[in-house]
Amino acid sequence: MKNRNIMFTKLLLTLGALATAAAPASVALAGETRAYITSEPGFFSAPKPKVTIDNRTFESGAFEMGYEVADAMKSNPVAYEWAKKHESYSTISSIALWGSYAAGLALLFSIPEPTAEQSYKEQRRSTLDAYIVVLSVGVLTAIGCKKAADAYLYRAINAFNGVSDGSTPPQTKLGIDIVPVRDGASLAMQLEF
């Protein structure tokens, strides 16, 4: 009888171990949900997502493209590092966007008088070309940095909830190169994350 009880106990332990091993990875890795993103639908405006961390809600400001959530995630070092990267890339994105708008407006309002060799139309055209270049570089930089900032926010939330592997945050590189070409120079920007 004693051997039967021992065998029955071993059988139950084996079945329990098999059931645990057969559980889906999402169930095995799920942590406590302490941070999440919500969004309310809007009819006349785009929905504005909100980040909630430990029952504190953070909203993105009107001129800011990110959330200031790093201080709320200090209890988890990996989430804190990712949240700091989110904040820095959001700041770069915001500066690039609003800086390009300001520089573009300054260009439009500062059209110099045409010289004897140039007509007013040529001068206006060259100023408009410079405006388009400044605005394009700023907007493309803002979009790239915003995408990186969003990726870091999602990683921070996953790490804070305990569903990531807990590894150190990946390194991000932002490089700007000036490459000489035949008639001047070319500006190349690269973002690795």
N, C-alpha and C. Protein backbone atom coordinates (compact mmCIF):
# COMPACT_ATOMS: atom_id res chain seq x y z
N MET A 1 0.82 -1.18 0.00
CA MET A 1 0.00 0.00 0.00
C MET A 1 0.87 1.26 0.00
N LYS A 2 1.95 1.20 0.77
CA LYS A 2 2.84 2.34 0.85
C LYS A 2 3.49 2.62 -0.50
N ASN A 3 3.86 1.58 -1.23
CA ASN A 3 4.46 1.74 -2.56
C ASN A 3 3.47 2.35 -3.53
N ARG A 4 2.20 1.99 -3.41
CA ARG A 4 1.18 2.57 -4.29
C ARG A 4 1.04 4.07 -4.04
N ASN A 5 1.05 4.49 -2.80
CA ASN A 5 0.96 5.91 -2.48
C ASN A 5 2.16 6.69 -3.02
N ILE A 6 3.34 6.09 -2.89
CA ILE A 6 4.54 6.74 -3.41
C ILE A 6 4.46 6.84 -4.93
N MET A 7 4.03 5.77 -5.58
CA MET A 7 3.91 5.78 -7.05
C MET A 7 2.83 6.77 -7.49
N PHE A 8 1.73 6.82 -6.75
CA PHE A 8 0.66 7.76 -7.09
C PHE A 8 1.15 9.21 -6.94
N THR A 9 1.91 9.48 -5.88
CA THR A 9 2.47 10.81 -5.67
C THR A 9 3.44 11.18 -6.78
N LYS A 10 4.28 10.25 -7.18
CA LYS A 10 5.22 10.49 -8.29
C LYS A 10 4.48 10.75 -9.58
N LEU A 11 3.41 10.00 -9.81
CA LEU A 11 2.60 10.20 -11.01
C LEU A 11 1.98 11.58 -11.04
N LEU A 12 1.43 12.01 -9.89
CA LEU A 12 0.85 13.35 -9.81
C LEU A 12 1.90 14.44 -10.03
N LEU A 13 3.07 14.28 -9.45
CA LEU A 13 4.15 15.26 -9.64
C LEU A 13 4.59 15.31 -11.11
N THR A 14 4.68 14.16 -11.74
CA THR A 14 5.07 14.10 -13.15
C THR A 14 4.01 14.76 -14.02
N LEU A 15 2.74 14.48 -13.76
CA LEU A 15 1.67 15.11 -14.54
C LEU A 15 1.63 16.61 -14.31
N GLY A 16 1.88 17.04 -13.08
CA GLY A 16 1.94 18.48 -12.80
C GLY A 16 3.08 19.16 -13.53
N ALA A 17 4.24 18.49 -13.57
CA ALA A 17 5.39 19.05 -14.29
C ALA A 17 5.11 19.12 -15.78
N LEU A 18 4.47 18.09 -16.33
CA LEU A 18 4.13 18.10 -17.75
C LEU A 18 3.11 19.19 -18.07
N ALA A 19 2.14 19.39 -17.19
CA ALA A 19 1.14 20.43 -17.42
C ALA A 19 1.79 21.81 -17.38
N THR A 20 2.75 21.99 -16.47
CA THR A 20 3.45 23.28 -16.40
C THR A 20 4.29 23.51 -17.64
N ALA A 21 4.95 22.47 -18.12
CA ALA A 21 5.79 22.61 -19.32
C ALA A 21 4.95 22.83 -20.56
N ALA A 22 3.71 22.32 -20.56
CA ALA A 22 2.85 22.45 -21.73
C ALA A 22 2.10 23.77 -21.76
N ALA A 23 2.20 24.58 -20.70
CA ALA A 23 1.50 25.87 -20.67
C ALA A 23 2.08 26.79 -21.72
N PRO A 24 1.25 27.61 -22.36
CA PRO A 24 1.76 28.54 -23.36
C PRO A 24 2.77 29.51 -22.76
N ALA A 25 3.69 29.98 -23.62
CA ALA A 25 4.75 30.87 -23.14
C ALA A 25 4.19 32.16 -22.57
N SER A 26 3.08 32.64 -23.13
CA SER A 26 2.51 33.89 -22.62
C SER A 26 2.00 33.74 -21.20
N VAL A 27 1.52 32.56 -20.87
CA VAL A 27 1.06 32.32 -19.51
C VAL A 27 2.25 32.17 -18.58
N ALA A 28 3.30 31.50 -19.06
CA ALA A 28 4.46 31.27 -18.22
C ALA A 28 5.23 32.56 -17.95
N LEU A 29 5.22 33.50 -18.89
CA LEU A 29 6.00 34.72 -18.74
C LEU A 29 5.17 35.90 -18.22
N ALA A 30 3.87 35.73 -18.10
CA ALA A 30 3.02 36.86 -17.71
C ALA A 30 3.37 37.33 -16.31
N GLY A 31 3.45 38.64 -16.17
CA GLY A 31 3.74 39.23 -14.87
C GLY A 31 2.54 40.02 -14.40
N GLU A 32 2.74 40.73 -13.34
CA GLU A 32 1.69 41.58 -12.82
C GLU A 32 1.59 42.84 -13.68
N THR A 33 0.39 43.21 -14.06
CA THR A 33 0.19 44.39 -14.90
C THR A 33 0.14 45.62 -14.01
N ARG A 34 1.28 46.30 -13.93
CA ARG A 34 1.37 47.52 -13.14
C ARG A 34 1.45 48.74 -14.04
N ALA A 35 1.76 48.53 -15.32
CA ALA A 35 1.87 49.63 -16.28
C ALA A 35 1.18 49.22 -17.57
N TYR A 36 0.46 50.17 -18.17
CA TYR A 36 -0.23 49.88 -19.42
C TYR A 36 -0.56 51.19 -20.14
N ILE A 37 -0.93 51.05 -21.42
CA ILE A 37 -1.30 52.20 -22.24
C ILE A 37 -2.78 52.08 -22.58
N THR A 38 -3.51 53.18 -22.44
CA THR A 38 -4.92 53.22 -22.84
C THR A 38 -5.12 54.36 -23.82
N SER A 39 -6.19 54.26 -24.58
CA SER A 39 -6.51 55.30 -25.55
C SER A 39 -8.02 55.41 -25.67
N GLU A 40 -8.51 56.62 -25.61
CA GLU A 40 -9.94 56.87 -25.77
C GLU A 40 -10.20 57.31 -27.21
N PRO A 41 -11.23 56.77 -27.85
CA PRO A 41 -11.52 57.20 -29.22
C PRO A 41 -12.04 58.63 -29.24
N GLY A 42 -11.64 59.35 -30.26
CA GLY A 42 -12.09 60.73 -30.42
C GLY A 42 -12.76 60.92 -31.77
N PHE A 43 -13.79 61.73 -31.82
CA PHE A 43 -14.50 61.94 -33.09
C PHE A 43 -13.85 63.05 -33.90
N PHE A 44 -13.57 64.19 -33.27
CA PHE A 44 -12.99 65.31 -33.99
C PHE A 44 -11.48 65.40 -33.86
N SER A 45 -10.91 64.70 -32.92
CA SER A 45 -9.46 64.75 -32.74
C SER A 45 -8.90 63.33 -32.68
N ALA A 46 -7.60 63.26 -32.92
CA ALA A 46 -6.93 61.96 -32.84
C ALA A 46 -6.91 61.51 -31.38
N PRO A 47 -7.03 60.21 -31.15
CA PRO A 47 -7.00 59.74 -29.76
C PRO A 47 -5.63 60.01 -29.14
N LYS A 48 -5.65 60.41 -27.89
CA LYS A 48 -4.42 60.70 -27.18
C LYS A 48 -4.17 59.59 -26.16
N PRO A 49 -3.18 58.73 -26.42
CA PRO A 49 -2.91 57.64 -25.48
C PRO A 49 -2.44 58.16 -24.13
N LYS A 50 -2.75 57.38 -23.10
CA LYS A 50 -2.33 57.69 -21.74
C LYS A 50 -1.56 56.48 -21.20
N VAL A 51 -0.53 56.74 -20.44
CA VAL A 51 0.25 55.69 -19.81
C VAL A 51 -0.09 55.68 -18.33
N THR A 52 -0.45 54.52 -17.81
CA THR A 52 -0.77 54.37 -16.39
C THR A 52 0.27 53.47 -15.76
N ILE A 53 0.88 53.97 -14.68
CA ILE A 53 1.90 53.21 -13.94
C ILE A 53 1.53 53.27 -12.46
N ASP A 54 1.28 52.10 -11.89
CA ASP A 54 0.89 52.00 -10.48
C ASP A 54 -0.22 52.99 -10.13
N ASN A 55 -1.27 52.98 -10.94
CA ASN A 55 -2.47 53.81 -10.77
C ASN A 55 -2.22 55.31 -10.91
N ARG A 56 -1.09 55.71 -11.47
CA ARG A 56 -0.81 57.12 -11.79
C ARG A 56 -0.86 57.25 -13.30
N THR A 57 -1.63 58.21 -13.81
CA THR A 57 -1.80 58.38 -15.24
C THR A 57 -0.92 59.52 -15.74
N PHE A 58 -0.23 59.25 -16.86
CA PHE A 58 0.65 60.23 -17.48
C PHE A 58 0.14 60.53 -18.88
N GLU A 59 0.00 61.80 -19.19
CA GLU A 59 -0.44 62.22 -20.52
C GLU A 59 0.69 62.96 -21.21
N SER A 60 0.70 62.86 -22.52
CA SER A 60 1.68 63.60 -23.30
C SER A 60 1.21 65.04 -23.42
N GLY A 61 2.14 65.99 -23.30
CA GLY A 61 1.78 67.39 -23.41
C GLY A 61 1.50 67.79 -24.85
N ALA A 62 1.02 69.00 -25.05
CA ALA A 62 0.66 69.48 -26.39
C ALA A 62 1.89 69.59 -27.29
N PHE A 63 3.00 70.10 -26.76
CA PHE A 63 4.19 70.27 -27.59
C PHE A 63 5.23 69.19 -27.36
N GLU A 64 4.93 68.26 -26.47
CA GLU A 64 5.86 67.19 -26.18
C GLU A 64 5.36 65.92 -26.84
N MET A 65 6.25 65.13 -27.40
CA MET A 65 5.83 63.95 -28.13
C MET A 65 6.03 62.66 -27.32
N GLY A 66 6.26 62.77 -26.02
CA GLY A 66 6.50 61.59 -25.21
C GLY A 66 5.91 61.74 -23.82
N TYR A 67 6.26 60.81 -22.97
CA TYR A 67 5.74 60.77 -21.60
C TYR A 67 6.91 60.83 -20.63
N GLU A 68 6.74 61.50 -19.52
CA GLU A 68 7.76 61.56 -18.48
C GLU A 68 7.43 60.51 -17.44
N VAL A 69 7.89 59.29 -17.70
CA VAL A 69 7.52 58.15 -16.85
C VAL A 69 8.71 57.52 -16.14
N ALA A 70 9.92 57.99 -16.38
CA ALA A 70 11.10 57.35 -15.81
C ALA A 70 11.08 57.35 -14.28
N ASP A 71 10.67 58.46 -13.68
CA ASP A 71 10.65 58.52 -12.21
C ASP A 71 9.68 57.50 -11.61
N ALA A 72 8.60 57.21 -12.31
CA ALA A 72 7.62 56.24 -11.81
C ALA A 72 8.13 54.81 -11.93
N MET A 73 9.18 54.59 -12.75
CA MET A 73 9.70 53.24 -12.97
C MET A 73 11.04 53.00 -12.28
N LYS A 74 11.40 53.83 -11.32
CA LYS A 74 12.70 53.71 -10.66
C LYS A 74 12.88 52.39 -9.92
N SER A 75 11.80 51.74 -9.56
CA SER A 75 11.91 50.49 -8.80
C SER A 75 12.43 49.33 -9.65
N ASN A 76 12.38 49.46 -10.97
CA ASN A 76 12.89 48.43 -11.88
C ASN A 76 14.02 49.07 -12.71
N PRO A 77 15.28 48.68 -12.50
CA PRO A 77 16.40 49.34 -13.18
C PRO A 77 16.35 49.25 -14.70
N VAL A 78 15.95 48.10 -15.25
CA VAL A 78 15.90 47.95 -16.71
C VAL A 78 14.79 48.83 -17.29
N ALA A 79 13.62 48.81 -16.67
CA ALA A 79 12.51 49.65 -17.13
C ALA A 79 12.88 51.12 -17.00
N TYR A 80 13.58 51.47 -15.95
CA TYR A 80 14.00 52.86 -15.74
C TYR A 80 14.94 53.32 -16.86
N GLU A 81 15.89 52.48 -17.25
CA GLU A 81 16.82 52.84 -18.33
C GLU A 81 16.08 53.00 -19.66
N TRP A 82 15.15 52.09 -19.94
CA TRP A 82 14.39 52.21 -21.19
C TRP A 82 13.49 53.45 -21.16
N ALA A 83 12.92 53.75 -20.01
CA ALA A 83 12.06 54.94 -19.90
C ALA A 83 12.88 56.21 -20.08
N LYS A 84 14.11 56.23 -19.56
CA LYS A 84 14.98 57.40 -19.78
C LYS A 84 15.31 57.56 -21.26
N LYS A 85 15.56 56.44 -21.95
CA LYS A 85 15.81 56.51 -23.40
C LYS A 85 14.56 57.02 -24.12
N HIS A 86 13.39 56.58 -23.69
CA HIS A 86 12.14 57.08 -24.28
C HIS A 86 12.05 58.59 -24.13
N GLU A 87 12.32 59.08 -22.94
CA GLU A 87 12.22 60.52 -22.70
C GLU A 87 13.24 61.30 -23.52
N SER A 88 14.46 60.80 -23.64
CA SER A 88 15.47 61.54 -24.39
C SER A 88 15.14 61.55 -25.89
N TYR A 89 14.68 60.44 -26.43
CA TYR A 89 14.33 60.42 -27.85
C TYR A 89 13.07 61.24 -28.12
N SER A 90 12.16 61.29 -27.17
CA SER A 90 10.98 62.15 -27.32
C SER A 90 11.38 63.61 -27.34
N THR A 91 12.33 63.97 -26.51
CA THR A 91 12.81 65.35 -26.48
C THR A 91 13.50 65.71 -27.79
N ILE A 92 14.36 64.82 -28.29
CA ILE A 92 15.03 65.07 -29.58
C ILE A 92 14.00 65.22 -30.69
N SER A 93 12.99 64.36 -30.67
CA SER A 93 11.95 64.41 -31.69
C SER A 93 11.20 65.73 -31.65
N SER A 94 10.85 66.16 -30.46
CA SER A 94 10.12 67.41 -30.30
C SER A 94 10.97 68.61 -30.73
N ILE A 95 12.24 68.61 -30.34
CA ILE A 95 13.13 69.71 -30.73
C ILE A 95 13.32 69.74 -32.24
N ALA A 96 13.48 68.58 -32.86
CA ALA A 96 13.66 68.54 -34.32
C ALA A 96 12.41 69.05 -35.04
N LEU A 97 11.24 68.63 -34.59
CA LEU A 97 10.01 69.05 -35.26
C LEU A 97 9.76 70.54 -35.10
N TRP A 98 9.73 71.01 -33.85
CA TRP A 98 9.41 72.42 -33.62
C TRP A 98 10.56 73.33 -34.05
N GLY A 99 11.79 72.84 -33.98
CA GLY A 99 12.92 73.63 -34.46
C GLY A 99 12.90 73.81 -35.96
N SER A 100 12.49 72.77 -36.67
CA SER A 100 12.40 72.91 -38.13
C SER A 100 11.27 73.85 -38.53
N TYR A 101 10.17 73.83 -37.78
CA TYR A 101 9.09 74.78 -38.06
C TYR A 101 9.56 76.21 -37.84
N ALA A 102 10.27 76.45 -36.74
CA ALA A 102 10.75 77.79 -36.43
C ALA A 102 11.79 78.25 -37.46
N ALA A 103 12.71 77.36 -37.82
CA ALA A 103 13.73 77.72 -38.82
C ALA A 103 13.08 77.96 -40.18
N GLY A 104 12.08 77.17 -40.52
CA GLY A 104 11.37 77.37 -41.78
C GLY A 104 10.65 78.71 -41.83
N LEU A 105 9.99 79.06 -40.74
CA LEU A 105 9.32 80.36 -40.69
C LEU A 105 10.32 81.51 -40.75
N ALA A 106 11.44 81.36 -40.07
CA ALA A 106 12.46 82.39 -40.13
C ALA A 106 12.98 82.55 -41.55
N LEU A 107 13.13 81.45 -42.26
CA LEU A 107 13.57 81.52 -43.66
C LEU A 107 12.54 82.25 -44.53
N LEU A 108 11.28 81.92 -44.32
CA LEU A 108 10.24 82.55 -45.16
C LEU A 108 10.13 84.05 -44.91
N PHE A 109 10.33 84.45 -43.66
CA PHE A 109 10.21 85.88 -43.34
C PHE A 109 11.49 86.67 -43.62
N SER A 110 12.54 85.96 -43.96
CA SER A 110 13.81 86.67 -44.18
C SER A 110 14.27 86.56 -45.64
N ILE A 111 13.35 86.65 -46.56
CA ILE A 111 13.74 86.63 -47.98
C ILE A 111 14.47 87.94 -48.28
N PRO A 112 15.75 87.84 -48.63
CA PRO A 112 16.50 89.08 -48.90
C PRO A 112 16.09 89.69 -50.23
N GLU A 113 16.44 90.92 -50.39
CA GLU A 113 16.18 91.61 -51.65
C GLU A 113 17.03 90.96 -52.75
N PRO A 114 16.49 90.83 -53.94
CA PRO A 114 17.27 90.20 -55.01
C PRO A 114 18.44 91.10 -55.44
N THR A 115 19.52 90.45 -55.81
CA THR A 115 20.69 91.19 -56.30
C THR A 115 20.50 91.51 -57.78
N ALA A 116 21.45 92.22 -58.35
CA ALA A 116 21.35 92.60 -59.75
C ALA A 116 21.38 91.37 -60.66
N GLU A 117 22.08 90.32 -60.24
CA GLU A 117 22.18 89.12 -61.06
C GLU A 117 20.96 88.22 -60.93
N GLN A 118 20.18 88.37 -59.86
CA GLN A 118 19.03 87.51 -59.61
C GLN A 118 17.74 88.29 -59.71
N SER A 119 16.74 87.63 -60.20
CA SER A 119 15.42 88.25 -60.19
C SER A 119 14.73 87.89 -58.86
N TYR A 120 13.65 88.57 -58.58
CA TYR A 120 12.89 88.30 -57.36
C TYR A 120 12.37 86.87 -57.36
N LYS A 121 11.97 86.40 -58.54
CA LYS A 121 11.43 85.04 -58.66
C LYS A 121 12.49 83.99 -58.33
N GLU A 122 13.73 84.19 -58.81
CA GLU A 122 14.81 83.25 -58.52
C GLU A 122 15.16 83.26 -57.04
N GLN A 123 15.19 84.43 -56.44
CA GLN A 123 15.50 84.54 -55.02
C GLN A 123 14.44 83.84 -54.18
N ARG A 124 13.18 84.05 -54.54
CA ARG A 124 12.08 83.42 -53.81
C ARG A 124 12.14 81.90 -53.96
N ARG A 125 12.50 81.45 -55.16
CA ARG A 125 12.58 80.00 -55.41
C ARG A 125 13.70 79.36 -54.58
N SER A 126 14.84 80.02 -54.49
CA SER A 126 15.95 79.44 -53.69
C SER A 126 15.60 79.43 -52.20
N THR A 127 14.89 80.44 -51.73
CA THR A 127 14.45 80.47 -50.33
C THR A 127 13.42 79.38 -50.07
N LEU A 128 12.52 79.17 -51.00
CA LEU A 128 11.53 78.11 -50.86
C LEU A 128 12.18 76.73 -50.87
N ASP A 129 13.21 76.54 -51.69
CA ASP A 129 13.94 75.27 -51.70
C ASP A 129 14.62 75.03 -50.35
N ALA A 130 15.23 76.06 -49.79
CA ALA A 130 15.87 75.93 -48.47
C ALA A 130 14.82 75.62 -47.40
N TYR A 131 13.65 76.25 -47.50
CA TYR A 131 12.56 76.00 -46.55
C TYR A 131 12.14 74.53 -46.60
N ILE A 132 11.98 74.00 -47.79
CA ILE A 132 11.55 72.60 -47.95
C ILE A 132 12.60 71.65 -47.39
N VAL A 133 13.88 71.94 -47.62
CA VAL A 133 14.95 71.08 -47.10
C VAL A 133 14.97 71.11 -45.58
N VAL A 134 14.91 72.30 -44.99
CA VAL A 134 14.94 72.42 -43.52
C VAL A 134 13.74 71.71 -42.91
N LEU A 135 12.57 71.93 -43.48
CA LEU A 135 11.37 71.30 -42.94
C LEU A 135 11.42 69.78 -43.10
N SER A 136 11.88 69.29 -44.24
CA SER A 136 11.95 67.85 -44.49
C SER A 136 12.92 67.17 -43.53
N VAL A 137 14.11 67.76 -43.35
CA VAL A 137 15.09 67.16 -42.44
C VAL A 137 14.53 67.12 -41.01
N GLY A 138 13.90 68.19 -40.59
CA GLY A 138 13.33 68.23 -39.24
C GLY A 138 12.21 67.22 -39.04
N VAL A 139 11.32 67.14 -40.00
CA VAL A 139 10.18 66.22 -39.87
C VAL A 139 10.66 64.76 -39.93
N LEU A 140 11.58 64.44 -40.83
CA LEU A 140 12.08 63.07 -40.91
C LEU A 140 12.85 62.67 -39.66
N THR A 141 13.63 63.60 -39.12
CA THR A 141 14.33 63.32 -37.86
C THR A 141 13.32 63.11 -36.73
N ALA A 142 12.29 63.93 -36.69
CA ALA A 142 11.26 63.80 -35.64
C ALA A 142 10.54 62.46 -35.74
N ILE A 143 10.22 62.04 -36.96
CA ILE A 143 9.53 60.76 -37.13
C ILE A 143 10.41 59.61 -36.69
N GLY A 144 11.68 59.61 -37.10
CA GLY A 144 12.59 58.53 -36.71
C GLY A 144 12.79 58.46 -35.21
N CYS A 145 12.99 59.60 -34.57
CA CYS A 145 13.18 59.62 -33.12
C CYS A 145 11.90 59.26 -32.38
N LYS A 146 10.75 59.63 -32.91
CA LYS A 146 9.47 59.27 -32.29
C LYS A 146 9.25 57.77 -32.33
N LYS A 147 9.60 57.14 -33.46
CA LYS A 147 9.48 55.68 -33.55
C LYS A 147 10.39 54.99 -32.54
N ALA A 148 11.62 55.48 -32.41
CA ALA A 148 12.54 54.90 -31.42
C ALA A 148 12.01 55.12 -30.00
N ALA A 149 11.47 56.31 -29.73
CA ALA A 149 10.93 56.61 -28.40
C ALA A 149 9.77 55.70 -28.07
N ASP A 150 8.89 55.45 -29.02
CA ASP A 150 7.76 54.55 -28.78
C ASP A 150 8.24 53.13 -28.49
N ALA A 151 9.25 52.67 -29.24
CA ALA A 151 9.78 51.32 -29.01
C ALA A 151 10.35 51.20 -27.61
N TYR A 152 11.05 52.23 -27.14
CA TYR A 152 11.61 52.20 -25.79
C TYR A 152 10.52 52.27 -24.73
N LEU A 153 9.45 52.99 -25.00
CA LEU A 153 8.34 53.03 -24.04
C LEU A 153 7.71 51.65 -23.89
N TYR A 154 7.50 50.95 -25.00
CA TYR A 154 6.91 49.61 -24.93
C TYR A 154 7.85 48.66 -24.19
N ARG A 155 9.14 48.77 -24.44
CA ARG A 155 10.11 47.91 -23.74
C ARG A 155 10.12 48.22 -22.24
N ALA A 156 10.02 49.51 -21.90
CA ALA A 156 10.00 49.89 -20.49
C ALA A 156 8.77 49.33 -19.79
N ILE A 157 7.62 49.40 -20.44
CA ILE A 157 6.40 48.88 -19.84
C ILE A 157 6.48 47.37 -19.67
N ASN A 158 7.00 46.67 -20.69
CA ASN A 158 7.15 45.22 -20.57
C ASN A 158 8.12 44.85 -19.45
N ALA A 159 9.23 45.55 -19.34
CA ALA A 159 10.19 45.26 -18.27
C ALA A 159 9.58 45.58 -16.90
N PHE A 160 8.84 46.66 -16.80
CA PHE A 160 8.23 47.04 -15.54
C PHE A 160 7.19 46.01 -15.10
N ASN A 161 6.48 45.43 -16.06
CA ASN A 161 5.48 44.41 -15.75
C ASN A 161 6.09 43.04 -15.53
N GLY A 162 7.38 42.89 -15.82
CA GLY A 162 8.05 41.62 -15.61
C GLY A 162 7.89 40.62 -16.72
N VAL A 163 7.53 41.05 -17.92
CA VAL A 163 7.36 40.11 -19.02
C VAL A 163 8.54 40.10 -19.98
N SER A 164 9.55 40.93 -19.74
CA SER A 164 10.74 40.88 -20.58
C SER A 164 11.79 40.02 -19.90
N ASP A 165 12.87 39.76 -20.63
CA ASP A 165 13.89 38.86 -20.10
C ASP A 165 14.78 39.51 -19.05
N GLY A 166 14.66 40.80 -18.84
CA GLY A 166 15.45 41.48 -17.83
C GLY A 166 16.87 41.80 -18.26
N SER A 167 17.15 41.69 -19.55
CA SER A 167 18.49 42.01 -20.03
C SER A 167 18.69 43.52 -20.04
N THR A 168 19.90 43.93 -20.23
CA THR A 168 20.19 45.36 -20.27
C THR A 168 19.63 45.96 -21.55
N PRO A 169 19.28 47.22 -21.53
CA PRO A 169 18.72 47.85 -22.72
C PRO A 169 19.74 47.87 -23.87
N PRO A 170 19.27 47.72 -25.10
CA PRO A 170 20.19 47.78 -26.23
C PRO A 170 20.73 49.19 -26.40
N GLN A 171 21.87 49.28 -27.01
CA GLN A 171 22.48 50.58 -27.25
C GLN A 171 21.88 51.21 -28.50
N THR A 172 21.65 52.49 -28.43
CA THR A 172 21.09 53.23 -29.55
C THR A 172 22.15 54.20 -30.06
N LYS A 173 22.28 54.28 -31.38
CA LYS A 173 23.26 55.18 -31.97
C LYS A 173 22.56 56.09 -32.95
N LEU A 174 22.86 57.36 -32.84
CA LEU A 174 22.36 58.36 -33.77
C LEU A 174 23.60 58.99 -34.39
N GLY A 175 23.78 58.79 -35.70
CA GLY A 175 24.96 59.30 -36.36
C GLY A 175 24.61 60.23 -37.51
N ILE A 176 25.36 61.30 -37.62
CA ILE A 176 25.19 62.23 -38.73
C ILE A 176 26.54 62.34 -39.43
N ASP A 177 26.59 62.06 -40.70
CA ASP A 177 27.82 62.11 -41.47
C ASP A 177 27.68 63.13 -42.59
N ILE A 178 28.76 63.85 -42.84
CA ILE A 178 28.81 64.76 -43.98
C ILE A 178 29.76 64.13 -44.99
N VAL A 179 29.23 63.80 -46.14
CA VAL A 179 30.00 63.11 -47.17
C VAL A 179 30.26 64.09 -48.32
N PRO A 180 31.53 64.32 -48.66
CA PRO A 180 31.79 65.23 -49.79
C PRO A 180 31.38 64.58 -51.10
N VAL A 181 30.75 65.36 -51.95
CA VAL A 181 30.39 64.92 -53.29
C VAL A 181 30.98 65.91 -54.29
N ARG A 182 30.79 65.67 -55.54
CA ARG A 182 31.43 66.47 -56.59
C ARG A 182 31.10 67.96 -56.49
N ASP A 183 29.84 68.29 -56.27
CA ASP A 183 29.42 69.69 -56.27
C ASP A 183 29.07 70.21 -54.87
N GLY A 184 29.64 69.65 -53.84
CA GLY A 184 29.33 70.12 -52.50
C GLY A 184 29.46 69.01 -51.47
N ALA A 185 28.42 68.84 -50.68
CA ALA A 185 28.44 67.82 -49.64
C ALA A 185 27.05 67.22 -49.50
N SER A 186 27.02 66.02 -48.97
CA SER A 186 25.76 65.32 -48.74
C SER A 186 25.67 65.00 -47.25
N LEU A 187 24.51 65.18 -46.69
CA LEU A 187 24.28 64.93 -45.28
C LEU A 187 23.58 63.58 -45.14
N ALA A 188 24.18 62.68 -44.36
CA ALA A 188 23.60 61.35 -44.15
C ALA A 188 23.34 61.17 -42.67
N MET A 189 22.14 60.73 -42.32
CA MET A 189 21.77 60.51 -40.93
C MET A 189 21.40 59.05 -40.76
N GLN A 190 21.88 58.44 -39.68
CA GLN A 190 21.57 57.04 -39.43
C GLN A 190 21.15 56.85 -37.99
N LEU A 191 20.12 56.05 -37.80
CA LEU A 191 19.59 55.78 -36.46
C LEU A 191 19.53 54.28 -36.29
N GLU A 192 20.26 53.77 -35.28
CA GLU A 192 20.26 52.34 -35.00
C GLU A 192 19.70 52.13 -33.60
N PHE A 193 18.70 51.27 -33.48
CA PHE A 193 18.16 50.93 -32.17
C PHE A 193 17.67 49.52 -32.17
